[in-house]
Amino acid sequence: MVQLRKISPAVFNTLASLIGGAIAGALISTAFFAFAVRYRHLGSGNVAYIQRTSPTPVSEPLVGGGQSNTPLSNKPFFSRIGEPALSIARPFSFSPLVRRVIPAVVNISVAADDSALDDADDETETSEETPDTNSAHSVPAKNISDDESGMGSGFIIDSSGIIVTNAHVVGDGSHVMVALTDGKVLSGKFLGSDPLTDIAVLKVESDSPLPFVKWGNSSLVDIGDWVIAAGNPFGFGSSVTVGIISAIGRDLGLGALDNYMQIDAPINPGNSGGPAFNIRGEVVAVNAAIASPSEGSVGIGFGVPSELVRPIVNQILKTGHVDHGWIGVTIDDSVFPLRVIKVDYNGPAWAAGLRPGDQLLQLDGSAVQSARALFRSIGVSEPGSIFAFTIRRKGEQKILPVRLGGASAEDIATESGVNSSGSGGGDGSTTSTFF
């Protein structure tokens, strides 16, 4: 006969506490792992979390009309909490974004006149006989249109058929054909161009509204942000490459208003005029040039930022041409703060009260860092715009509102010390005449 031993109250309480603790621990662990599936930790320091959403496309619909009916990917992405919407962390796939924007990317072909081809041959022979030994870079930047086939890229910004591309792609705008992603080929009407920013605008006529993309704000991008380049490299239409923004504010010496965004997404001949998208599928740059020891990409590409392109496009749509801001001063760029050494009599600056000897401190509340930066700020603005110049004259600070006059790209290239070769004198210490 088995005799049961009586358990003392103390032992019973101890066992009950252990069992209860084990059950509570299991419940807490289950809750913790369930929470961990929903959230993922991002780095150290201040604790920040990103919420997992399932399933969600990389971007909201951005193309007006002509949307793809392809089912969306079920691959989720993580969006950073407490950070600008522009910065979206590590998408697992770019395909949802690409499907939305690629219908608005077009291929552009230009048939040159025989005389133009003869001139191009003559220039080629001349350049072979007298190579340029004074290049500022061992691997100079160059435009990326395909000169042999006359091909480039562009993108539609309005359902009525407004297309943005590079000026060097279309030249004088004669015999331009535009191929859409659906196979249609339309004749492109040249609306205007601006050689200083290398931007041109075309228009095509279509029986139905065309897909289009939206502008992004290039001033919000940062080095390291994702960028997606699309275009027609070597004639391979609807090609897409991905990389990051490598640098901003590059001066390549290609024009007076150089302010390029550098990207490492591969771009090649034929990509000229194509868009560079941010992670939302907004256009933040127009691909324009590469630096390469060969004819192909080595991961150093350049685009014209959207903040420069948009006002130029708007002017072309309004008037068919571009007048750049002009104030009529000569600036000594060898001293800081910058000093005015000459003011054109009866020019906009003179009428506003600027005089030789004035030191330029701020433009619209922002510090003036260089003559070139000031040049760009004024040059991309429309005539009639008003800028507040903060100056110092004989120890006293003043704010002078200056209403910009207008000047053509040709006048600026002729009169400015910051000319098409890129600088006033090459050593950064000369005076710069501008506007």
Protein backbone atom coordinates (compact mmCIF):
# COMPACT_ATOMS: atom_id res chain seq x y z
CA MET A 1 0.00 0.00 0.00
CA VAL A 2 1.41 3.35 -1.16
CA GLN A 3 1.31 6.04 1.42
CA LEU A 4 1.09 9.61 0.13
CA ARG A 5 3.35 12.08 1.83
CA LYS A 6 1.71 15.26 2.98
CA ILE A 7 3.10 18.39 1.27
CA SER A 8 3.80 21.23 3.58
CA PRO A 9 2.15 24.61 2.82
CA ALA A 10 5.56 26.22 2.24
CA VAL A 11 6.57 23.74 -0.48
CA PHE A 12 3.12 24.02 -2.11
CA ASN A 13 3.39 27.81 -2.28
CA THR A 14 6.86 27.58 -3.76
CA LEU A 15 5.73 25.17 -6.50
CA ALA A 16 2.72 27.34 -7.28
CA SER A 17 4.92 30.41 -7.61
CA LEU A 18 7.32 28.61 -10.00
CA ILE A 19 4.50 27.31 -12.19
CA GLY A 20 2.81 30.70 -12.23
CA GLY A 21 6.06 32.44 -13.12
CA ALA A 22 6.70 30.02 -15.98
CA ILE A 23 3.24 30.64 -17.41
CA ALA A 24 3.64 34.41 -17.10
CA GLY A 25 7.07 34.26 -18.74
CA ALA A 26 5.68 32.27 -21.64
CA LEU A 27 2.89 34.80 -22.16
CA ILE A 28 5.34 37.72 -22.04
CA SER A 29 7.69 36.01 -24.52
CA THR A 30 4.82 35.32 -26.90
CA ALA A 31 3.72 38.94 -26.76
CA PHE A 32 7.28 40.17 -27.27
CA PHE A 33 7.91 38.04 -30.38
CA ALA A 34 4.53 39.03 -31.81
CA PHE A 35 5.53 42.68 -31.34
CA ALA A 36 8.95 42.02 -32.88
CA VAL A 37 7.35 40.68 -36.05
CA ARG A 38 5.59 44.03 -36.53
CA TYR A 39 8.54 46.28 -35.73
CA ARG A 40 12.21 46.34 -36.51
CA HIS A 41 14.86 48.33 -34.68
CA LEU A 42 16.79 50.93 -36.71
CA GLY A 43 20.24 51.66 -35.34
CA SER A 44 21.51 52.92 -32.02
CA GLY A 45 21.20 56.12 -30.06
CA ASN A 46 17.66 57.39 -29.99
CA VAL A 47 15.46 54.35 -30.49
CA ALA A 48 13.52 54.60 -33.74
CA TYR A 49 11.26 51.94 -35.19
CA ILE A 50 9.90 51.25 -38.62
CA GLN A 51 6.52 49.66 -39.03
CA ARG A 52 6.10 46.76 -41.39
CA THR A 53 3.21 47.20 -43.74
CA SER A 54 1.90 44.30 -45.78
CA PRO A 55 1.60 44.33 -48.71
CA THR A 56 2.26 47.88 -49.95
CA PRO A 57 3.79 49.20 -53.22
CA VAL A 58 6.91 51.35 -53.06
CA SER A 59 5.12 54.51 -54.16
CA GLU A 60 1.68 55.99 -54.58
CA PRO A 61 0.27 56.30 -58.13
CA LEU A 62 2.17 59.10 -59.85
CA VAL A 63 1.34 58.61 -63.50
CA GLY A 64 -1.82 60.30 -64.62
CA GLY A 65 -3.54 58.02 -67.09
CA GLY A 66 -2.21 54.89 -68.79
CA GLN A 67 -1.73 53.07 -65.49
CA SER A 68 -0.46 49.52 -65.68
CA ASN A 69 -2.95 46.78 -64.81
CA THR A 70 -0.18 44.43 -63.71
CA PRO A 71 -0.87 43.12 -60.17
CA LEU A 72 1.18 44.89 -57.54
CA SER A 73 4.06 43.10 -55.90
CA ASN A 74 3.33 41.60 -52.49
CA LYS A 75 6.78 42.58 -51.29
CA PRO A 76 6.48 45.01 -48.36
CA PHE A 77 8.72 47.94 -47.64
CA PHE A 78 9.68 49.77 -44.47
CA SER A 79 9.02 53.51 -44.07
CA ARG A 80 10.95 55.43 -41.45
CA ILE A 81 8.90 56.94 -38.67
CA GLY A 82 9.74 60.55 -37.86
CA GLU A 83 11.77 61.12 -41.04
CA PRO A 84 10.85 62.97 -44.26
CA ALA A 85 8.67 60.96 -46.59
CA LEU A 86 11.34 61.35 -49.28
CA SER A 87 13.63 59.02 -47.35
CA ILE A 88 12.20 55.49 -47.52
CA ALA A 89 14.33 52.69 -46.17
CA ARG A 90 15.43 49.67 -48.18
CA PRO A 91 12.63 48.68 -50.53
CA PHE A 92 12.73 44.98 -51.38
CA SER A 93 11.82 45.74 -54.99
CA PHE A 94 11.66 48.79 -57.22
CA SER A 95 9.27 47.11 -59.63
CA PRO A 96 6.04 48.75 -58.35
CA LEU A 97 7.63 52.18 -58.74
CA VAL A 98 9.06 51.37 -62.17
CA ARG A 99 5.71 50.12 -63.46
CA ARG A 100 4.12 53.41 -62.50
CA VAL A 101 6.70 55.76 -64.05
CA ILE A 102 8.19 53.96 -67.04
CA PRO A 103 5.17 54.59 -69.34
CA ALA A 104 6.02 58.32 -69.17
CA VAL A 105 9.63 57.82 -70.30
CA VAL A 106 10.10 58.21 -74.05
CA ASN A 107 12.77 57.55 -76.66
CA ILE A 108 13.75 60.49 -78.86
CA SER A 109 15.39 60.23 -82.26
CA VAL A 110 16.58 63.12 -84.38
CA ALA A 111 17.33 62.98 -88.10
CA ALA A 112 19.97 65.61 -88.86
CA ASP A 113 20.19 67.47 -92.16
CA ASP A 114 22.98 66.48 -94.55
CA SER A 115 24.67 69.84 -94.02
CA ALA A 116 24.67 69.30 -90.28
CA LEU A 117 26.23 65.87 -90.74
CA ASP A 118 28.94 67.36 -92.98
CA ASP A 119 29.70 70.01 -90.35
CA ALA A 120 29.87 67.32 -87.66
CA ASP A 121 32.35 65.33 -89.81
CA ASP A 122 34.50 68.42 -90.28
CA GLU A 123 34.51 69.08 -86.53
CA THR A 124 35.47 65.47 -85.86
CA GLU A 125 38.41 65.67 -88.28
CA THR A 126 39.55 68.95 -86.74
CA SER A 127 39.36 67.60 -83.22
CA GLU A 128 41.41 64.56 -84.24
CA GLU A 129 44.11 66.77 -85.72
CA THR A 130 44.25 69.17 -82.78
CA PRO A 131 43.51 67.27 -79.57
CA ASP A 132 42.62 69.27 -76.50
CA THR A 133 45.52 69.14 -74.08
CA ASN A 134 44.15 71.79 -71.74
CA SER A 135 41.28 69.81 -70.27
CA ALA A 136 40.51 70.64 -66.64
CA HIS A 137 40.05 66.94 -65.84
CA SER A 138 41.89 63.83 -66.93
CA VAL A 139 38.47 62.31 -67.59
CA PRO A 140 36.31 65.29 -68.65
CA ALA A 141 32.55 65.17 -68.34
CA LYS A 142 30.66 64.99 -71.59
CA ASN A 143 27.09 64.91 -72.79
CA ILE A 144 25.54 61.49 -73.23
CA SER A 145 23.40 61.64 -76.33
CA ASP A 146 24.15 59.00 -78.94
CA ASP A 147 25.59 61.18 -81.68
CA GLU A 148 25.86 58.42 -84.26
CA SER A 149 22.25 57.28 -84.08
CA GLY A 150 20.82 60.65 -83.02
CA MET A 151 19.05 59.06 -80.07
CA GLY A 152 18.22 60.32 -76.61
CA SER A 153 15.55 60.17 -73.94
CA GLY A 154 12.85 62.33 -72.44
CA PHE A 155 9.83 62.21 -70.15
CA ILE A 156 6.24 63.42 -70.28
CA ILE A 157 5.21 65.96 -67.62
CA ASP A 158 1.64 66.58 -68.74
CA SER A 159 -1.09 64.37 -70.20
CA SER A 160 -1.38 66.76 -73.17
CA GLY A 161 2.04 65.56 -74.41
CA ILE A 162 4.58 68.03 -72.97
CA ILE A 163 8.03 66.38 -72.98
CA VAL A 164 11.26 67.50 -71.28
CA THR A 165 14.66 66.47 -72.61
CA ASN A 166 18.18 67.87 -73.08
CA ALA A 167 18.87 70.68 -75.54
CA HIS A 168 21.87 68.80 -76.91
CA VAL A 169 19.60 65.85 -77.77
CA VAL A 170 17.24 67.73 -80.09
CA GLY A 171 19.52 70.47 -81.41
CA ASP A 172 17.44 72.91 -83.45
CA GLY A 173 14.40 70.67 -83.08
CA SER A 174 14.03 69.61 -86.73
CA HIS A 175 12.85 66.08 -87.59
CA VAL A 176 12.24 64.92 -84.01
CA MET A 177 10.41 61.60 -83.50
CA VAL A 178 9.18 60.36 -80.12
CA ALA A 179 8.61 56.67 -79.38
CA LEU A 180 6.30 55.75 -76.48
CA THR A 181 6.56 52.59 -74.41
CA ASP A 182 3.39 51.20 -76.03
CA GLY A 183 5.09 51.24 -79.44
CA LYS A 184 3.50 54.40 -80.82
CA VAL A 185 5.81 56.78 -82.68
CA LEU A 186 4.76 60.42 -82.77
CA SER A 187 6.21 63.54 -84.36
CA GLY A 188 7.68 65.92 -81.79
CA LYS A 189 7.09 69.66 -82.06
CA PHE A 190 9.97 71.77 -80.75
CA LEU A 191 8.71 74.39 -78.26
CA GLY A 192 12.02 75.89 -77.16
CA SER A 193 15.33 75.29 -75.40
CA ASP A 194 17.88 76.88 -73.12
CA PRO A 195 21.57 76.17 -73.81
CA LEU A 196 22.72 77.43 -70.41
CA THR A 197 20.84 74.70 -68.55
CA ASP A 198 20.80 72.22 -71.47
CA ILE A 199 17.00 71.87 -71.32
CA ALA A 200 14.55 71.58 -74.21
CA VAL A 201 10.78 71.12 -74.35
CA LEU A 202 8.82 69.21 -76.99
CA LYS A 203 5.15 68.47 -77.56
CA VAL A 204 3.45 65.51 -79.19
CA GLU A 205 -0.18 65.17 -80.22
CA SER A 206 -2.08 62.09 -79.11
CA ASP A 207 -5.70 60.94 -79.45
CA SER A 208 -5.79 60.00 -75.77
CA PRO A 209 -4.23 61.45 -72.59
CA LEU A 210 -0.66 60.34 -72.10
CA PRO A 211 0.92 59.00 -68.90
CA PHE A 212 3.05 61.56 -67.13
CA VAL A 213 5.30 61.95 -64.10
CA LYS A 214 5.55 64.60 -61.44
CA TRP A 215 8.42 66.85 -60.44
CA GLY A 216 10.24 66.26 -57.17
CA ASN A 217 12.14 68.85 -55.16
CA SER A 218 15.85 68.35 -55.74
CA SER A 219 16.68 70.67 -52.85
CA LEU A 220 15.35 67.98 -50.48
CA VAL A 221 17.62 65.17 -51.68
CA ASP A 222 20.76 64.23 -49.85
CA ILE A 223 23.93 62.33 -50.61
CA GLY A 224 23.22 58.63 -50.20
CA ASP A 225 19.55 58.79 -51.23
CA TRP A 226 18.28 56.22 -53.71
CA VAL A 227 17.95 57.35 -57.32
CA ILE A 228 16.47 55.52 -60.33
CA ALA A 229 17.59 56.47 -63.85
CA ALA A 230 15.45 55.61 -66.88
CA GLY A 231 16.03 56.12 -70.58
CA ASN A 232 17.22 54.80 -73.91
CA PRO A 233 20.91 53.81 -73.53
CA PHE A 234 22.45 52.64 -76.82
CA GLY A 235 18.92 52.45 -78.24
CA PHE A 236 17.65 49.99 -75.60
CA GLY A 237 14.43 51.76 -74.66
CA SER A 238 12.70 51.64 -71.26
CA SER A 239 15.96 50.73 -69.51
CA VAL A 240 16.14 51.34 -65.76
CA THR A 241 19.17 51.47 -63.46
CA VAL A 242 19.43 52.12 -59.74
CA GLY A 243 22.04 53.83 -57.59
CA ILE A 244 22.51 56.60 -55.06
CA ILE A 245 23.17 60.31 -55.16
CA SER A 246 26.95 60.59 -54.93
CA ALA A 247 27.31 64.38 -54.69
CA ILE A 248 25.40 67.60 -55.30
CA GLY A 249 26.40 70.99 -56.68
CA ARG A 250 29.00 69.71 -59.17
CA ASP A 251 30.53 72.30 -61.52
CA LEU A 252 31.60 70.47 -64.69
CA GLY A 253 32.63 73.48 -66.75
CA LEU A 254 29.93 72.70 -69.33
CA GLY A 255 28.02 75.95 -68.86
CA ALA A 256 27.63 79.12 -66.85
CA LEU A 257 24.87 77.68 -64.65
CA ASP A 258 26.48 74.32 -63.86
CA ASN A 259 25.05 72.83 -60.68
CA TYR A 260 24.88 69.12 -61.40
CA MET A 261 23.69 66.26 -59.23
CA GLN A 262 26.13 63.34 -59.38
CA ILE A 263 24.68 59.83 -59.36
CA ASP A 264 26.19 56.36 -59.58
CA ALA A 265 23.19 54.75 -61.29
CA PRO A 266 24.68 53.70 -64.65
CA ILE A 267 23.80 56.05 -67.50
CA ASN A 268 25.19 55.74 -71.01
CA PRO A 269 24.98 57.35 -74.46
CA GLY A 270 21.27 57.61 -75.23
CA ASN A 271 20.32 58.32 -71.61
CA SER A 272 20.56 62.09 -72.17
CA GLY A 273 17.30 63.83 -71.38
CA GLY A 274 15.93 60.93 -69.37
CA PRO A 275 14.66 61.33 -65.81
CA ALA A 276 16.31 60.49 -62.52
CA PHE A 277 13.63 59.59 -59.97
CA ASN A 278 13.64 59.68 -56.20
CA ILE A 279 12.13 56.78 -54.27
CA ARG A 280 8.65 58.27 -54.67
CA GLY A 281 8.94 58.24 -58.45
CA GLU A 282 9.29 62.02 -58.68
CA VAL A 283 11.75 63.53 -61.15
CA VAL A 284 14.63 65.15 -59.24
CA ALA A 285 17.08 65.51 -62.15
CA VAL A 286 17.43 65.30 -65.92
CA ASN A 287 20.31 63.02 -66.90
CA ALA A 288 22.78 64.97 -69.00
CA ALA A 289 26.44 63.93 -68.80
CA ILE A 290 28.95 61.32 -67.72
CA ALA A 291 32.63 61.27 -66.81
CA SER A 292 34.26 58.21 -68.35
CA PRO A 293 37.54 57.15 -69.96
CA SER A 294 35.42 55.25 -72.50
CA GLU A 295 32.02 55.70 -74.12
CA GLY A 296 30.20 53.84 -71.34
CA SER A 297 29.30 54.30 -67.71
CA VAL A 298 31.83 53.90 -64.92
CA GLY A 299 29.35 55.00 -62.26
CA ILE A 300 29.91 58.76 -62.55
CA GLY A 301 26.85 60.38 -64.08
CA PHE A 302 25.38 63.86 -63.80
CA GLY A 303 21.89 65.32 -63.97
CA VAL A 304 20.45 68.83 -64.02
CA PRO A 305 18.52 69.27 -60.72
CA SER A 306 14.76 69.74 -60.98
CA GLU A 307 14.93 73.02 -59.06
CA LEU A 308 16.83 74.47 -62.05
CA VAL A 309 14.79 72.69 -64.71
CA ARG A 310 11.24 73.55 -63.61
CA PRO A 311 11.44 77.36 -63.96
CA ILE A 312 13.16 76.97 -67.33
CA VAL A 313 10.42 74.63 -68.58
CA ASN A 314 7.73 76.99 -67.29
CA GLN A 315 9.27 79.92 -69.18
CA ILE A 316 9.47 77.94 -72.41
CA LEU A 317 5.82 76.91 -72.08
CA LYS A 318 4.81 80.54 -71.48
CA THR A 319 6.92 82.37 -74.06
CA GLY A 320 8.75 79.84 -76.22
CA HIS A 321 12.14 81.11 -75.08
CA VAL A 322 14.12 81.73 -71.90
CA ASP A 323 15.28 85.04 -70.48
CA HIS A 324 17.57 84.74 -67.49
CA GLY A 325 17.71 87.10 -64.56
CA TRP A 326 20.17 89.98 -64.88
CA ILE A 327 21.29 92.73 -62.49
CA GLY A 328 24.33 94.30 -64.19
CA VAL A 329 27.26 94.12 -61.79
CA THR A 330 30.87 92.99 -61.73
CA ILE A 331 31.89 91.05 -58.62
CA ASP A 332 35.35 90.58 -57.15
CA ASP A 333 35.39 86.87 -56.32
CA SER A 334 38.88 86.93 -54.79
CA VAL A 335 37.74 88.44 -51.48
CA PHE A 336 35.15 87.51 -48.89
CA PRO A 337 32.60 88.93 -48.42
CA LEU A 338 32.22 89.39 -52.16
CA ARG A 339 32.71 92.99 -53.27
CA VAL A 340 30.99 94.91 -56.05
CA ILE A 341 33.59 96.56 -58.27
CA LYS A 342 31.36 97.82 -61.07
CA VAL A 343 27.65 98.54 -61.55
CA ASP A 344 26.13 99.04 -64.99
CA TYR A 345 24.66 102.51 -65.07
CA ASN A 346 20.86 102.43 -65.22
CA GLY A 347 20.88 98.62 -64.86
CA PRO A 348 18.68 96.86 -62.27
CA ALA A 349 21.39 96.89 -59.60
CA TRP A 350 22.09 100.61 -60.08
CA ALA A 351 18.39 101.44 -59.92
CA ALA A 352 18.11 99.49 -56.64
CA GLY A 353 20.99 101.41 -55.07
CA LEU A 354 23.94 99.01 -55.36
CA ARG A 355 27.25 100.83 -55.80
CA PRO A 356 30.90 99.92 -56.34
CA GLY A 357 32.58 98.97 -53.06
CA ASP A 358 29.46 97.40 -51.53
CA GLN A 359 30.04 94.06 -49.81
CA LEU A 360 27.44 91.38 -50.54
CA LEU A 361 26.46 89.54 -47.36
CA GLN A 362 23.12 87.84 -48.04
CA LEU A 363 20.65 87.11 -50.80
CA ASP A 364 17.08 86.73 -49.54
CA GLY A 365 18.38 85.97 -46.07
CA SER A 366 20.90 83.31 -47.14
CA ALA A 367 24.64 83.93 -46.89
CA VAL A 368 26.37 84.64 -50.20
CA GLN A 369 29.18 82.08 -50.42
CA SER A 370 30.54 82.65 -53.93
CA ALA A 371 29.96 84.67 -57.08
CA ARG A 372 29.08 81.49 -58.93
CA ALA A 373 26.35 80.55 -56.45
CA LEU A 374 24.97 84.08 -56.70
CA PHE A 375 25.19 83.84 -60.48
CA ARG A 376 23.12 80.65 -60.51
CA SER A 377 20.49 81.96 -58.11
CA ILE A 378 19.87 85.02 -60.26
CA GLY A 379 20.35 83.33 -63.61
CA VAL A 380 17.64 80.69 -63.15
CA SER A 381 15.10 83.26 -61.94
CA GLU A 382 12.60 84.98 -64.20
CA PRO A 383 13.03 88.65 -65.05
CA GLY A 384 10.85 90.73 -62.76
CA SER A 385 11.63 88.62 -59.70
CA ILE A 386 12.69 90.61 -56.65
CA PHE A 387 15.69 89.65 -54.51
CA ALA A 388 16.63 91.25 -51.20
CA PHE A 389 20.37 91.99 -51.12
CA THR A 390 21.90 92.52 -47.70
CA ILE A 391 25.01 94.67 -48.16
CA ARG A 392 27.62 96.41 -46.02
CA ARG A 393 28.64 99.92 -47.03
CA LYS A 394 31.14 101.86 -44.95
CA GLY A 395 30.44 99.63 -41.94
CA GLU A 396 26.66 99.97 -42.17
CA GLN A 397 24.36 97.12 -43.23
CA LYS A 398 21.50 97.77 -45.61
CA ILE A 399 18.85 95.67 -47.34
CA LEU A 400 18.21 96.61 -50.97
CA PRO A 401 15.39 95.00 -52.99
CA VAL A 402 16.55 94.41 -56.57
CA ARG A 403 14.08 93.68 -59.37
CA LEU A 404 15.78 91.47 -61.95
CA GLY A 405 16.11 92.51 -65.55
CA GLY A 406 16.29 89.99 -68.38
CA ALA A 407 19.10 88.70 -70.59
CA SER A 408 19.32 85.95 -73.18
CA ALA A 409 21.58 82.95 -72.84
CA GLU A 410 23.80 84.35 -75.60
CA ASP A 411 24.18 87.70 -73.83
CA ILE A 412 25.07 85.99 -70.58
CA ALA A 413 27.64 83.72 -72.23
CA THR A 414 29.20 86.73 -73.99
CA GLU A 415 29.22 89.22 -71.12
CA SER A 416 29.78 86.98 -68.11
CA GLY A 417 33.17 86.08 -66.75
CA VAL A 418 31.49 82.84 -65.72
CA ASN A 419 31.11 81.75 -69.33
CA SER A 420 30.52 78.53 -71.21
CA SER A 421 33.97 77.30 -70.29
CA GLY A 422 32.88 77.35 -66.66
CA SER A 423 34.97 79.98 -64.90
CA GLY A 424 36.16 83.52 -65.06
CA GLY A 425 39.85 82.81 -65.32
CA GLY A 426 40.46 79.29 -64.12
CA ASP A 427 42.22 80.09 -60.84
CA GLY A 428 39.13 81.02 -58.80
CA SER A 429 40.57 84.41 -57.90
CA THR A 430 39.50 86.56 -60.83
CA THR A 431 36.59 88.92 -61.08
CA SER A 432 33.30 87.62 -62.45
CA THR A 433 31.09 89.84 -64.56
CA PHE A 434 27.52 88.71 -64.54
CA PHE A 435 24.04 90.01 -65.14
